[in-house]
Structures are given as C-alpha cells and as structure tokens.
Amino acid sequence: MGAWEPWLQDELNQPYFGQLQAFVAQARRQGPVFPPADRVFRAFHLTPPQETRVLLLGQDPYHGIGQAQGLCFSVPPAMTHPPSLRNIFKELQADVGGNIPGQGDLTPWATQGVLLLNAVLTVEAHQANSHKDQGWEQFTDGVIRCLSDRSAHTVFILWGAYARRKESLIDRRHTILTSAHPSPFSARHGFFGSRPFSQTNAALKAQGQREINWILP
C-alpha cells in the first residue's frame, strides 16, 4: 500500500482486515478472483495520499476475464469499453471536449492525483458483488474518512445511490459532486449533463490546486 500504510494503520491493524485477507485468499484457492493479487491495491500505489486531490468512487471491480486492473471503471488498453465507461467517455467529451478515448485505461488520471477507488476491491469471476459485506466496505469507508480528516481539500465524486451514501463520511469543507450513475440504466437520468470533469477542475482551481488533464489518448 506504499505511502498509504501509515495513514491507514488503524484499519490495517483491526481484526476484520486480517479476516478479510483470509477470505480473499480462500476464494482465490477455489477459483478466479479479480483483479490479480498484485493489482488489488494498485490505486493506492499510483495515487499516494499526499498527492490525492480527487476521489472517484466505484462499487466493485469488473468481473469479466482480464477487465479489472485495480482502478475503478478502468480497463486495460486493449479491452473493449464496458457500458458505464462508454457513458463516462461520452460525458467527458461533452464536458471538456476532445475525442472519445480509444482505450479505457484510466491510469493517467490516477497519476495526476485521482484516487480511483472501488468500495469493494475484489470479486469472483462472473459474479458481480460476490465479495460484498466481507469487510472491504469497512476498509474503504476508512479510506474516505482518512482523506476527509487529513487532507485540506479533496473533490469527492459520487455517482449513483450507492456512492452517495458515503457522503455522510465526508467533512463539508471538501467539494462533493453527486449525480446518477453512468450505467446504461441511469445515465440518462442525471449523469449526462452533470459535467463532473469541469466541475472538479473549477473546484480545484478555486482552492489554488492544479487542475486535472482529463483528456486520454
């Protein structure tokens, strides 16, 4: 977990976290679990706490073979864009311009200070939400609280009802952007037109922070 480890020591030392890791290890012995073990905490390695200016919250990893890479909504460059990511890219183009990205790897956002965090960090193959309620939510709630308490200003982007429930964990001095989820079921009911990318940059600029270059290859 790199630089995050001292920040999250209270969570890592709690009994539930050890039990969670044992649960995931057992699940891996029984069948495919995504993302690969060396990518479960990739978001934390790419976006250290001192450099985190934005937190974008997803729910759980993609459960198709080869999709999950430890960053919410992101897929490896050669992978077909999942439906929610396609809608994110449509809104990105409408909001800040540029072309629809040709690949779905969001690593360039992560390396600029966007923590691409899923609430649940592992999933079994082809079984969405299969690792919910095992302890990941307690851990990632701790991450949200930690950023809220220890950072001077962070933009929290919460898409959909599930993510919006985390709003109660966040101090009001931060910027909180909420909208419908980008999934095909809800994108037309409040995600399209929400302009999260330009709103994020406006909030960062108002705080004297560097803006995010959202344009992807």
C-alpha atoms as a PDB file:
ATOM      1  CA  MET A   1       0.000   0.000   0.000  1.00  0.00           C
ATOM      2  CA  GLY A   2       3.058   2.198  -0.058  1.00  0.00           C
ATOM      3  CA  ALA A   3       2.655   5.698   1.343  1.00  0.00           C
ATOM      4  CA  TRP A   4      -0.934   4.964   2.411  1.00  0.00           C
ATOM      5  CA  GLU A   5       0.124   2.440   5.028  1.00  0.00           C
ATOM      6  CA  PRO A   6       0.855   4.923   7.862  1.00  0.00           C
ATOM      7  CA  TRP A   7      -2.374   6.771   7.091  1.00  0.00           C
ATOM      8  CA  LEU A   8      -4.448   3.575   7.275  1.00  0.00           C
ATOM      9  CA  GLN A   9      -2.635   1.771  10.070  1.00  0.00           C
ATOM     10  CA  ASP A  10      -5.684   1.815  12.336  1.00  0.00           C
ATOM     11  CA  GLU A  11      -7.707  -0.045   9.681  1.00  0.00           C
ATOM     12  CA  LEU A  12      -4.935  -2.477   8.773  1.00  0.00           C
ATOM     13  CA  ASN A  13      -4.458  -3.456  12.429  1.00  0.00           C
ATOM     14  CA  GLN A  14      -8.114  -4.279  13.076  1.00  0.00           C
ATOM     15  CA  PRO A  15      -9.152  -7.954  13.251  1.00  0.00           C
ATOM     16  CA  TYR A  16     -11.623  -7.617  10.383  1.00  0.00           C
ATOM     17  CA  PHE A  17      -8.838  -6.768   7.941  1.00  0.00           C
ATOM     18  CA  GLY A  18      -6.936  -9.965   8.624  1.00  0.00           C
ATOM     19  CA  GLN A  19     -10.170 -11.942   8.335  1.00  0.00           C
ATOM     20  CA  LEU A  20     -10.892 -10.207   5.028  1.00  0.00           C
ATOM     21  CA  GLN A  21      -7.489 -11.128   3.606  1.00  0.00           C
ATOM     22  CA  ALA A  22      -8.023 -14.758   4.676  1.00  0.00           C
ATOM     23  CA  PHE A  23     -11.430 -14.757   2.961  1.00  0.00           C
ATOM     24  CA  VAL A  24      -9.933 -13.449  -0.296  1.00  0.00           C
ATOM     25  CA  ALA A  25      -7.061 -15.962  -0.145  1.00  0.00           C
ATOM     26  CA  GLN A  26      -9.532 -18.817   0.304  1.00  0.00           C
ATOM     27  CA  ALA A  27     -11.644 -17.541  -2.592  1.00  0.00           C
ATOM     28  CA  ARG A  28      -8.560 -17.499  -4.834  1.00  0.00           C
ATOM     29  CA  ARG A  29      -7.895 -21.128  -3.969  1.00  0.00           C
ATOM     30  CA  GLN A  30     -11.399 -22.029  -5.112  1.00  0.00           C
ATOM     31  CA  GLY A  31     -11.458 -20.139  -8.424  1.00  0.00           C
ATOM     32  CA  PRO A  32     -10.585 -16.960 -10.311  1.00  0.00           C
ATOM     33  CA  VAL A  33     -10.743 -13.720  -8.318  1.00  0.00           C
ATOM     34  CA  PHE A  34     -10.228 -10.319  -9.929  1.00  0.00           C
ATOM     35  CA  PRO A  35      -8.152  -8.232 -10.057  1.00  0.00           C
ATOM     36  CA  PRO A  36      -4.936 -10.276  -9.748  1.00  0.00           C
ATOM     37  CA  ALA A  37      -3.454 -10.202  -6.251  1.00  0.00           C
ATOM     38  CA  ASP A  38      -0.688  -7.796  -7.245  1.00  0.00           C
ATOM     39  CA  ARG A  39      -3.248  -5.259  -8.503  1.00  0.00           C
ATOM     40  CA  VAL A  40      -5.778  -5.209  -5.671  1.00  0.00           C
ATOM     41  CA  PHE A  41      -4.180  -2.115  -4.108  1.00  0.00           C
ATOM     42  CA  ARG A  42      -2.947  -0.572  -7.365  1.00  0.00           C
ATOM     43  CA  ALA A  43      -4.975   2.617  -6.893  1.00  0.00           C
ATOM     44  CA  PHE A  44      -3.086   3.307  -3.658  1.00  0.00           C
ATOM     45  CA  HIS A  45       0.313   2.777  -5.262  1.00  0.00           C
ATOM     46  CA  LEU A  46      -0.472   5.074  -8.194  1.00  0.00           C
ATOM     47  CA  THR A  47      -2.063   7.827  -6.096  1.00  0.00           C
ATOM     48  CA  PRO A  48      -0.273   8.462  -2.771  1.00  0.00           C
ATOM     49  CA  PRO A  49      -2.305  10.253  -0.082  1.00  0.00           C
ATOM     50  CA  GLN A  50      -0.291  13.462  -0.205  1.00  0.00           C
ATOM     51  CA  GLU A  51      -0.956  13.707  -3.954  1.00  0.00           C
ATOM     52  CA  THR A  52      -4.653  12.782  -3.860  1.00  0.00           C
ATOM     53  CA  ARG A  53      -6.785  15.713  -4.973  1.00  0.00           C
ATOM     54  CA  VAL A  54      -9.826  13.807  -6.241  1.00  0.00           C
ATOM     55  CA  LEU A  55     -11.531  10.594  -5.123  1.00  0.00           C
ATOM     56  CA  LEU A  56     -13.771   8.875  -7.661  1.00  0.00           C
ATOM     57  CA  LEU A  57     -15.756   6.054  -6.076  1.00  0.00           C
ATOM     58  CA  GLY A  58     -16.914   2.909  -7.840  1.00  0.00           C
ATOM     59  CA  GLN A  59     -18.712  -0.094  -6.365  1.00  0.00           C
ATOM     60  CA  ASP A  60     -16.794  -3.313  -7.121  1.00  0.00           C
ATOM     61  CA  PRO A  61     -14.348  -4.482  -9.803  1.00  0.00           C
ATOM     62  CA  TYR A  62     -15.328  -5.694 -13.237  1.00  0.00           C
ATOM     63  CA  HIS A  63     -15.897  -9.443 -13.061  1.00  0.00           C
ATOM     64  CA  GLY A  64     -15.040 -10.393 -16.661  1.00  0.00           C
ATOM     65  CA  ILE A  65     -11.751 -12.056 -17.513  1.00  0.00           C
ATOM     66  CA  GLY A  66      -8.939  -9.538 -17.956  1.00  0.00           C
ATOM     67  CA  GLN A  67     -11.028  -6.441 -17.208  1.00  0.00           C
ATOM     68  CA  ALA A  68     -10.218  -5.464 -13.613  1.00  0.00           C
ATOM     69  CA  GLN A  69      -6.908  -3.709 -13.019  1.00  0.00           C
ATOM     70  CA  GLY A  70      -7.330  -2.210  -9.565  1.00  0.00           C
ATOM     71  CA  LEU A  71      -8.761   1.144 -10.666  1.00  0.00           C
ATOM     72  CA  CYS A  72     -12.494   1.823 -10.629  1.00  0.00           C
ATOM     73  CA  PHE A  73     -14.127   1.983 -14.087  1.00  0.00           C
ATOM     74  CA  SER A  74     -10.742   1.409 -15.791  1.00  0.00           C
ATOM     75  CA  VAL A  75      -9.819  -1.471 -18.114  1.00  0.00           C
ATOM     76  CA  PRO A  76      -6.523  -2.427 -19.787  1.00  0.00           C
ATOM     77  CA  PRO A  77      -5.793  -0.627 -23.081  1.00  0.00           C
ATOM     78  CA  ALA A  78      -6.776  -3.461 -25.437  1.00  0.00           C
ATOM     79  CA  MET A  79     -10.052  -4.237 -23.630  1.00  0.00           C
ATOM     80  CA  THR A  80     -13.472  -3.269 -25.015  1.00  0.00           C
ATOM     81  CA  HIS A  81     -15.034  -0.396 -23.072  1.00  0.00           C
ATOM     82  CA  PRO A  82     -17.723  -1.635 -20.630  1.00  0.00           C
ATOM     83  CA  PRO A  83     -21.066   0.215 -20.871  1.00  0.00           C
ATOM     84  CA  SER A  84     -20.517   2.517 -17.859  1.00  0.00           C
ATOM     85  CA  LEU A  85     -17.090   3.524 -19.144  1.00  0.00           C
ATOM     86  CA  ARG A  86     -18.548   4.282 -22.584  1.00  0.00           C
ATOM     87  CA  ASN A  87     -21.011   6.645 -20.936  1.00  0.00           C
ATOM     88  CA  ILE A  88     -18.260   8.244 -18.837  1.00  0.00           C
ATOM     89  CA  PHE A  89     -16.366   8.949 -22.046  1.00  0.00           C
ATOM     90  CA  LYS A  90     -19.475  10.421 -23.707  1.00  0.00           C
ATOM     91  CA  GLU A  91     -19.891  12.814 -20.787  1.00  0.00           C
ATOM     92  CA  LEU A  92     -16.157  13.562 -20.815  1.00  0.00           C
ATOM     93  CA  GLN A  93     -16.336  14.602 -24.462  1.00  0.00           C
ATOM     94  CA  ALA A  94     -19.475  16.697 -23.919  1.00  0.00           C
ATOM     95  CA  ASP A  95     -17.978  18.328 -20.822  1.00  0.00           C
ATOM     96  CA  VAL A  96     -14.367  19.128 -21.730  1.00  0.00           C
ATOM     97  CA  GLY A  97     -14.112  18.281 -25.441  1.00  0.00           C
ATOM     98  CA  GLY A  98     -11.629  16.110 -27.246  1.00  0.00           C
ATOM     99  CA  ASN A  99     -12.282  12.777 -28.879  1.00  0.00           C
ATOM    100  CA  ILE A 100     -13.776   9.672 -27.280  1.00  0.00           C
ATOM    101  CA  PRO A 101     -10.686   7.870 -25.943  1.00  0.00           C
ATOM    102  CA  GLY A 102      -9.566   4.905 -28.000  1.00  0.00           C
ATOM    103  CA  GLN A 103      -8.663   2.900 -24.906  1.00  0.00           C
ATOM    104  CA  GLY A 104     -10.152   2.568 -21.428  1.00  0.00           C
ATOM    105  CA  ASP A 105      -7.063   2.702 -19.213  1.00  0.00           C
ATOM    106  CA  LEU A 106      -7.568   5.497 -16.663  1.00  0.00           C
ATOM    107  CA  THR A 107      -4.023   5.289 -15.269  1.00  0.00           C
ATOM    108  CA  PRO A 108      -3.244   8.851 -16.496  1.00  0.00           C
ATOM    109  CA  TRP A 109      -5.958  10.134 -14.172  1.00  0.00           C
ATOM    110  CA  ALA A 110      -4.551   8.152 -11.241  1.00  0.00           C
ATOM    111  CA  THR A 111      -1.034   9.508 -11.748  1.00  0.00           C
ATOM    112  CA  GLN A 112      -2.396  13.071 -11.607  1.00  0.00           C
ATOM    113  CA  GLY A 113      -3.948  12.626  -8.172  1.00  0.00           C
ATOM    114  CA  VAL A 114      -7.322  10.975  -8.878  1.00  0.00           C
ATOM    115  CA  LEU A 115      -7.797   8.066  -6.467  1.00  0.00           C
ATOM    116  CA  LEU A 116      -9.857   5.581  -8.491  1.00  0.00           C
ATOM    117  CA  LEU A 117     -11.318   3.651  -5.568  1.00  0.00           C
ATOM    118  CA  ASN A 118     -13.851   0.849  -5.587  1.00  0.00           C
ATOM    119  CA  ALA A 119     -15.817   0.308  -2.370  1.00  0.00           C
ATOM    120  CA  VAL A 120     -15.094  -3.439  -2.715  1.00  0.00           C
ATOM    121  CA  LEU A 121     -11.666  -4.352  -4.044  1.00  0.00           C
ATOM    122  CA  THR A 122     -12.101  -7.975  -5.187  1.00  0.00           C
ATOM    123  CA  VAL A 123     -14.726 -10.039  -6.989  1.00  0.00           C
ATOM    124  CA  GLU A 124     -15.163 -13.609  -8.179  1.00  0.00           C
ATOM    125  CA  ALA A 125     -15.248 -14.289 -11.905  1.00  0.00           C
ATOM    126  CA  HIS A 126     -18.635 -13.544 -13.497  1.00  0.00           C
ATOM    127  CA  GLN A 127     -20.277 -12.895 -10.095  1.00  0.00           C
ATOM    128  CA  ALA A 128     -20.877  -9.196  -9.505  1.00  0.00           C
ATOM    129  CA  ASN A 129     -20.826  -8.126  -5.846  1.00  0.00           C
ATOM    130  CA  SER A 130     -19.670 -11.584  -4.766  1.00  0.00           C
ATOM    131  CA  HIS A 131     -17.238 -10.102  -2.206  1.00  0.00           C
ATOM    132  CA  LYS A 132     -19.541  -7.500  -0.718  1.00  0.00           C
ATOM    133  CA  ASP A 133     -20.126  -7.473   3.057  1.00  0.00           C
ATOM    134  CA  GLN A 134     -16.850  -9.264   3.793  1.00  0.00           C
ATOM    135  CA  GLY A 135     -15.004  -6.233   5.164  1.00  0.00           C
ATOM    136  CA  TRP A 136     -13.908  -4.270   2.104  1.00  0.00           C
ATOM    137  CA  GLU A 137     -16.577  -1.636   2.690  1.00  0.00           C
ATOM    138  CA  GLN A 138     -15.314  -1.061   6.231  1.00  0.00           C
ATOM    139  CA  PHE A 139     -11.800  -0.628   4.884  1.00  0.00           C
ATOM    140  CA  THR A 140     -12.716   1.755   2.052  1.00  0.00           C
ATOM    141  CA  ASP A 141     -15.016   3.753   4.340  1.00  0.00           C
ATOM    142  CA  GLY A 142     -11.886   4.185   6.459  1.00  0.00           C
ATOM    143  CA  VAL A 143     -10.013   5.457   3.402  1.00  0.00           C
ATOM    144  CA  ILE A 144     -12.747   8.028   2.732  1.00  0.00           C
ATOM    145  CA  ARG A 145     -12.776   9.163   6.366  1.00  0.00           C
ATOM    146  CA  CYS A 146      -8.994   9.360   6.403  1.00  0.00           C
ATOM    147  CA  LEU A 147      -8.889  11.627   3.350  1.00  0.00           C
ATOM    148  CA  SER A 148     -11.736  13.712   4.726  1.00  0.00           C
ATOM    149  CA  ASP A 149      -9.979  14.178   8.067  1.00  0.00           C
ATOM    150  CA  ARG A 150      -6.384  14.620   6.938  1.00  0.00           C
ATOM    151  CA  SER A 151      -6.474  16.417   3.592  1.00  0.00           C
ATOM    152  CA  ALA A 152      -7.019  20.155   3.330  1.00  0.00           C
ATOM    153  CA  HIS A 153      -9.305  19.807   0.314  1.00  0.00           C
ATOM    154  CA  THR A 154     -10.361  16.871  -1.852  1.00  0.00           C
ATOM    155  CA  VAL A 155     -13.014  16.621  -4.548  1.00  0.00           C
ATOM    156  CA  PHE A 156     -15.184  13.553  -3.908  1.00  0.00           C
ATOM    157  CA  ILE A 157     -17.080  12.312  -6.988  1.00  0.00           C
ATOM    158  CA  LEU A 158     -20.008  10.087  -6.001  1.00  0.00           C
ATOM    159  CA  TRP A 159     -22.041   8.569  -8.844  1.00  0.00           C
ATOM    160  CA  GLY A 160     -25.242   6.696  -8.063  1.00  0.00           C
ATOM    161  CA  ALA A 161     -27.190   5.970  -4.893  1.00  0.00           C
ATOM    162  CA  TYR A 162     -24.612   3.526  -3.528  1.00  0.00           C
ATOM    163  CA  ALA A 163     -21.778   6.041  -3.735  1.00  0.00           C
ATOM    164  CA  ARG A 164     -23.907   8.918  -2.479  1.00  0.00           C
ATOM    165  CA  ARG A 165     -24.477   7.064   0.785  1.00  0.00           C
ATOM    166  CA  LYS A 166     -20.805   7.715   1.549  1.00  0.00           C
ATOM    167  CA  GLU A 167     -21.449  11.459   1.660  1.00  0.00           C
ATOM    168  CA  SER A 168     -22.064  11.239   5.414  1.00  0.00           C
ATOM    169  CA  LEU A 169     -18.403  10.221   5.890  1.00  0.00           C
ATOM    170  CA  ILE A 170     -17.076  13.437   4.345  1.00  0.00           C
ATOM    171  CA  ASP A 171     -16.454  16.782   6.045  1.00  0.00           C
ATOM    172  CA  ARG A 172     -18.271  19.649   4.353  1.00  0.00           C
ATOM    173  CA  ARG A 173     -15.085  21.651   3.785  1.00  0.00           C
ATOM    174  CA  HIS A 174     -14.426  19.350   0.844  1.00  0.00           C
ATOM    175  CA  THR A 175     -16.141  19.505  -2.544  1.00  0.00           C
ATOM    176  CA  ILE A 176     -18.693  16.723  -3.074  1.00  0.00           C
ATOM    177  CA  LEU A 177     -20.068  16.148  -6.587  1.00  0.00           C
ATOM    178  CA  THR A 178     -23.011  13.769  -6.886  1.00  0.00           C
ATOM    179  CA  SER A 179     -25.089  12.571  -9.822  1.00  0.00           C
ATOM    180  CA  ALA A 180     -26.754   9.489 -11.239  1.00  0.00           C
ATOM    181  CA  HIS A 181     -24.526   6.516 -12.051  1.00  0.00           C
ATOM    182  CA  PRO A 182     -23.091   6.266 -15.596  1.00  0.00           C
ATOM    183  CA  SER A 183     -24.558   2.792 -16.128  1.00  0.00           C
ATOM    184  CA  PRO A 184     -26.974   2.412 -19.081  1.00  0.00           C
ATOM    185  CA  PHE A 185     -29.850   2.076 -16.598  1.00  0.00           C
ATOM    186  CA  SER A 186     -29.396   5.530 -15.091  1.00  0.00           C
ATOM    187  CA  ALA A 187     -27.049   7.669 -17.187  1.00  0.00           C
ATOM    188  CA  ARG A 188     -29.902   9.492 -18.921  1.00  0.00           C
ATOM    189  CA  HIS A 189     -31.493  10.318 -15.580  1.00  0.00           C
ATOM    190  CA  GLY A 190     -28.901  12.725 -14.230  1.00  0.00           C
ATOM    191  CA  PHE A 191     -25.432  11.572 -15.247  1.00  0.00           C
ATOM    192  CA  PHE A 192     -25.383  13.007 -18.742  1.00  0.00           C
ATOM    193  CA  GLY A 193     -25.066  16.764 -18.408  1.00  0.00           C
ATOM    194  CA  SER A 194     -23.679  16.658 -14.855  1.00  0.00           C
ATOM    195  CA  ARG A 195     -20.269  17.949 -16.035  1.00  0.00           C
ATOM    196  CA  PRO A 196     -18.198  16.286 -13.302  1.00  0.00           C
ATOM    197  CA  PHE A 197     -14.858  16.869 -15.014  1.00  0.00           C
ATOM    198  CA  SER A 198     -15.123  20.625 -15.481  1.00  0.00           C
ATOM    199  CA  GLN A 199     -16.765  20.987 -12.050  1.00  0.00           C
ATOM    200  CA  THR A 200     -13.855  19.139 -10.470  1.00  0.00           C
ATOM    201  CA  ASN A 201     -11.335  21.414 -12.155  1.00  0.00           C
ATOM    202  CA  ALA A 202     -13.279  24.508 -11.127  1.00  0.00           C
ATOM    203  CA  ALA A 203     -13.232  23.342  -7.506  1.00  0.00           C
ATOM    204  CA  LEU A 204      -9.504  22.574  -7.644  1.00  0.00           C
ATOM    205  CA  LYS A 205      -8.739  25.928  -9.249  1.00  0.00           C
ATOM    206  CA  ALA A 206     -10.752  27.751  -6.580  1.00  0.00           C
ATOM    207  CA  GLN A 207      -8.530  26.113  -3.959  1.00  0.00           C
ATOM    208  CA  GLY A 208      -5.340  27.029  -5.789  1.00  0.00           C
ATOM    209  CA  GLN A 209      -4.758  23.396  -6.764  1.00  0.00           C
ATOM    210  CA  ARG A 210      -3.562  22.099 -10.115  1.00  0.00           C
ATOM    211  CA  GLU A 211      -6.351  21.014 -12.453  1.00  0.00           C
ATOM    212  CA  ILE A 212      -6.646  17.514 -13.895  1.00  0.00           C
ATOM    213  CA  ASN A 213      -5.967  16.924 -17.578  1.00  0.00           C
ATOM    214  CA  TRP A 214      -8.871  14.564 -18.238  1.00  0.00           C
ATOM    215  CA  ILE A 215      -8.117  14.048 -21.937  1.00  0.00           C
ATOM    216  CA  LEU A 216      -6.978  10.480 -22.646  1.00  0.00           C
ATOM    217  CA  PRO A 217      -5.276   9.003 -25.716  1.00  0.00           C
END
